[in-house]
Amino acid sequence: MANDSLTRAHIVGDVLDPFASSVPLTVMYDGRPVFNGMELRSPSVSLKPRVDIGGDDFRVAYTLVMVDLDAPNPSNPTLREYLHWMVTDVPSSTNNSFG
């Protein structure tokens, strides 16, 4: 089943259907890993993140989507699921620069 923190944050259920993780995924800004539920401020995310996708089947491609689930702010999420960026056709065992 999906990561419990995604369920607790109502991402699974509200945004995503339940799923089973099949490969490891790591997202880092300025060399620091990002975890579910972290609050990210504009200065720390102004540059492109490093995204590493595990797996060993180069025939499989992924789509990465960065959305803001509580835009413009947590107490008034009128722009819920605001799309910041999307990268498509990212092969497994690589990073987002290959999409």
C-alpha atoms as a PDB file:
ATOM      1  CA  MET A   1       0.000   0.000   0.000  1.00  0.00           C
ATOM      2  CA  ALA A   2       1.059   3.621  -0.439  1.00  0.00           C
ATOM      3  CA  ASN A   3       3.306   5.333   2.058  1.00  0.00           C
ATOM      4  CA  ASP A   4       1.412   5.908   5.324  1.00  0.00           C
ATOM      5  CA  SER A   5       2.459   9.577   5.407  1.00  0.00           C
ATOM      6  CA  LEU A   6       0.701  10.088   2.063  1.00  0.00           C
ATOM      7  CA  THR A   7      -2.456   8.599   3.539  1.00  0.00           C
ATOM      8  CA  ARG A   8      -2.215  10.679   6.743  1.00  0.00           C
ATOM      9  CA  ALA A   9      -1.787  13.823   4.638  1.00  0.00           C
ATOM     10  CA  HIS A  10      -4.924  12.903   2.648  1.00  0.00           C
ATOM     11  CA  ILE A  11      -2.923  12.776  -0.579  1.00  0.00           C
ATOM     12  CA  VAL A  12      -3.958   9.173  -1.078  1.00  0.00           C
ATOM     13  CA  GLY A  13      -7.710   9.362  -1.242  1.00  0.00           C
ATOM     14  CA  ASP A  14      -8.007  13.061  -2.146  1.00  0.00           C
ATOM     15  CA  VAL A  15      -5.419  13.351  -4.935  1.00  0.00           C
ATOM     16  CA  LEU A  16      -4.225   9.816  -5.705  1.00  0.00           C
ATOM     17  CA  ASP A  17      -5.958   6.481  -5.767  1.00  0.00           C
ATOM     18  CA  PRO A  18      -4.437   3.896  -3.409  1.00  0.00           C
ATOM     19  CA  PHE A  19      -1.287   2.345  -4.880  1.00  0.00           C
ATOM     20  CA  ALA A  20       1.611   0.062  -4.043  1.00  0.00           C
ATOM     21  CA  SER A  21       5.075   1.625  -4.287  1.00  0.00           C
ATOM     22  CA  SER A  22       7.148  -0.260  -6.823  1.00  0.00           C
ATOM     23  CA  VAL A  23      10.446   1.671  -6.904  1.00  0.00           C
ATOM     24  CA  PRO A  24      12.295   3.967  -4.512  1.00  0.00           C
ATOM     25  CA  LEU A  25      12.014   7.710  -5.144  1.00  0.00           C
ATOM     26  CA  THR A  26      14.273  10.409  -3.663  1.00  0.00           C
ATOM     27  CA  VAL A  27      13.763  14.168  -4.062  1.00  0.00           C
ATOM     28  CA  MET A  28      16.437  16.627  -2.904  1.00  0.00           C
ATOM     29  CA  TYR A  29      16.723  20.400  -2.912  1.00  0.00           C
ATOM     30  CA  ASP A  30      20.224  21.751  -2.362  1.00  0.00           C
ATOM     31  CA  GLY A  31      21.418  18.293  -1.288  1.00  0.00           C
ATOM     32  CA  ARG A  32      18.727  17.909   1.412  1.00  0.00           C
ATOM     33  CA  PRO A  33      16.111  15.162   1.072  1.00  0.00           C
ATOM     34  CA  VAL A  34      12.446  16.110   0.923  1.00  0.00           C
ATOM     35  CA  PHE A  35       9.909  14.123   2.942  1.00  0.00           C
ATOM     36  CA  ASN A  36       6.124  14.093   2.857  1.00  0.00           C
ATOM     37  CA  GLY A  37       4.645  16.862   4.960  1.00  0.00           C
ATOM     38  CA  MET A  38       7.664  19.174   4.796  1.00  0.00           C
ATOM     39  CA  GLU A  39       6.933  22.851   4.307  1.00  0.00           C
ATOM     40  CA  LEU A  40       9.109  24.218   1.517  1.00  0.00           C
ATOM     41  CA  ARG A  41       9.701  27.960   1.170  1.00  0.00           C
ATOM     42  CA  SER A  42      10.316  29.700  -2.156  1.00  0.00           C
ATOM     43  CA  PRO A  43      14.035  30.487  -1.664  1.00  0.00           C
ATOM     44  CA  SER A  44      14.875  26.857  -0.911  1.00  0.00           C
ATOM     45  CA  VAL A  45      13.042  25.498  -3.956  1.00  0.00           C
ATOM     46  CA  SER A  46      13.872  28.133  -6.565  1.00  0.00           C
ATOM     47  CA  LEU A  47      16.328  25.801  -8.312  1.00  0.00           C
ATOM     48  CA  LYS A  48      15.525  22.482  -9.976  1.00  0.00           C
ATOM     49  CA  PRO A  49      15.409  19.547  -7.535  1.00  0.00           C
ATOM     50  CA  ARG A  50      17.387  16.353  -7.944  1.00  0.00           C
ATOM     51  CA  VAL A  51      14.995  13.427  -8.321  1.00  0.00           C
ATOM     52  CA  ASP A  52      16.329   9.868  -8.347  1.00  0.00           C
ATOM     53  CA  ILE A  53      14.111   6.976  -9.388  1.00  0.00           C
ATOM     54  CA  GLY A  54      15.060   3.404  -8.590  1.00  0.00           C
ATOM     55  CA  GLY A  55      14.178   0.328 -10.563  1.00  0.00           C
ATOM     56  CA  ASP A  56      16.005  -1.671 -13.180  1.00  0.00           C
ATOM     57  CA  ASP A  57      13.674  -1.801 -16.187  1.00  0.00           C
ATOM     58  CA  PHE A  58      14.620   0.922 -18.687  1.00  0.00           C
ATOM     59  CA  ARG A  59      11.439   0.154 -20.655  1.00  0.00           C
ATOM     60  CA  VAL A  60       9.398   1.700 -17.844  1.00  0.00           C
ATOM     61  CA  ALA A  61       8.909   5.476 -17.826  1.00  0.00           C
ATOM     62  CA  TYR A  62       7.485   7.686 -15.104  1.00  0.00           C
ATOM     63  CA  THR A  63       5.823  11.081 -14.889  1.00  0.00           C
ATOM     64  CA  LEU A  64       6.807  13.404 -12.041  1.00  0.00           C
ATOM     65  CA  VAL A  65       4.326  16.036 -10.950  1.00  0.00           C
ATOM     66  CA  MET A  66       4.943  18.748  -8.345  1.00  0.00           C
ATOM     67  CA  VAL A  67       1.688  20.121  -6.975  1.00  0.00           C
ATOM     68  CA  ASP A  68       0.901  22.373  -4.057  1.00  0.00           C
ATOM     69  CA  LEU A  69      -1.890  20.695  -2.116  1.00  0.00           C
ATOM     70  CA  ASP A  70      -2.718  23.658   0.087  1.00  0.00           C
ATOM     71  CA  ALA A  71      -2.154  26.710  -2.114  1.00  0.00           C
ATOM     72  CA  PRO A  72      -2.253  29.586  -1.473  1.00  0.00           C
ATOM     73  CA  ASN A  73      -1.985  28.639   2.214  1.00  0.00           C
ATOM     74  CA  PRO A  74      -2.971  25.735   4.497  1.00  0.00           C
ATOM     75  CA  SER A  75      -5.859  27.608   6.145  1.00  0.00           C
ATOM     76  CA  ASN A  76      -7.383  28.594   2.774  1.00  0.00           C
ATOM     77  CA  PRO A  77      -6.465  25.992   0.110  1.00  0.00           C
ATOM     78  CA  THR A  78      -8.607  27.512  -2.644  1.00  0.00           C
ATOM     79  CA  LEU A  79      -6.013  26.619  -5.298  1.00  0.00           C
ATOM     80  CA  ARG A  80      -5.631  23.021  -4.064  1.00  0.00           C
ATOM     81  CA  GLU A  81      -3.501  20.890  -6.380  1.00  0.00           C
ATOM     82  CA  TYR A  82      -1.826  23.885  -8.028  1.00  0.00           C
ATOM     83  CA  LEU A  83       0.584  22.504 -10.669  1.00  0.00           C
ATOM     84  CA  HIS A  84       4.155  23.788 -10.267  1.00  0.00           C
ATOM     85  CA  TRP A  85       5.896  21.528 -12.796  1.00  0.00           C
ATOM     86  CA  MET A  86       5.705  18.221 -14.640  1.00  0.00           C
ATOM     87  CA  VAL A  87       8.378  16.015 -16.242  1.00  0.00           C
ATOM     88  CA  THR A  88       7.331  13.096 -18.439  1.00  0.00           C
ATOM     89  CA  ASP A  89       9.019   9.988 -19.865  1.00  0.00           C
ATOM     90  CA  VAL A  90      11.604   9.637 -17.087  1.00  0.00           C
ATOM     91  CA  PRO A  91      13.159   6.155 -17.369  1.00  0.00           C
ATOM     92  CA  SER A  92      13.664   4.104 -14.224  1.00  0.00           C
ATOM     93  CA  SER A  93      17.170   3.948 -12.702  1.00  0.00           C
ATOM     94  CA  THR A  94      17.771   7.575 -13.705  1.00  0.00           C
ATOM     95  CA  ASN A  95      16.862  11.053 -12.552  1.00  0.00           C
ATOM     96  CA  ASN A  96      14.611  13.854 -13.742  1.00  0.00           C
ATOM     97  CA  SER A  97      17.230  15.262 -16.126  1.00  0.00           C
ATOM     98  CA  PHE A  98      16.440  12.363 -18.477  1.00  0.00           C
ATOM     99  CA  GLY A  99      12.727  13.213 -18.851  1.00  0.00           C
END
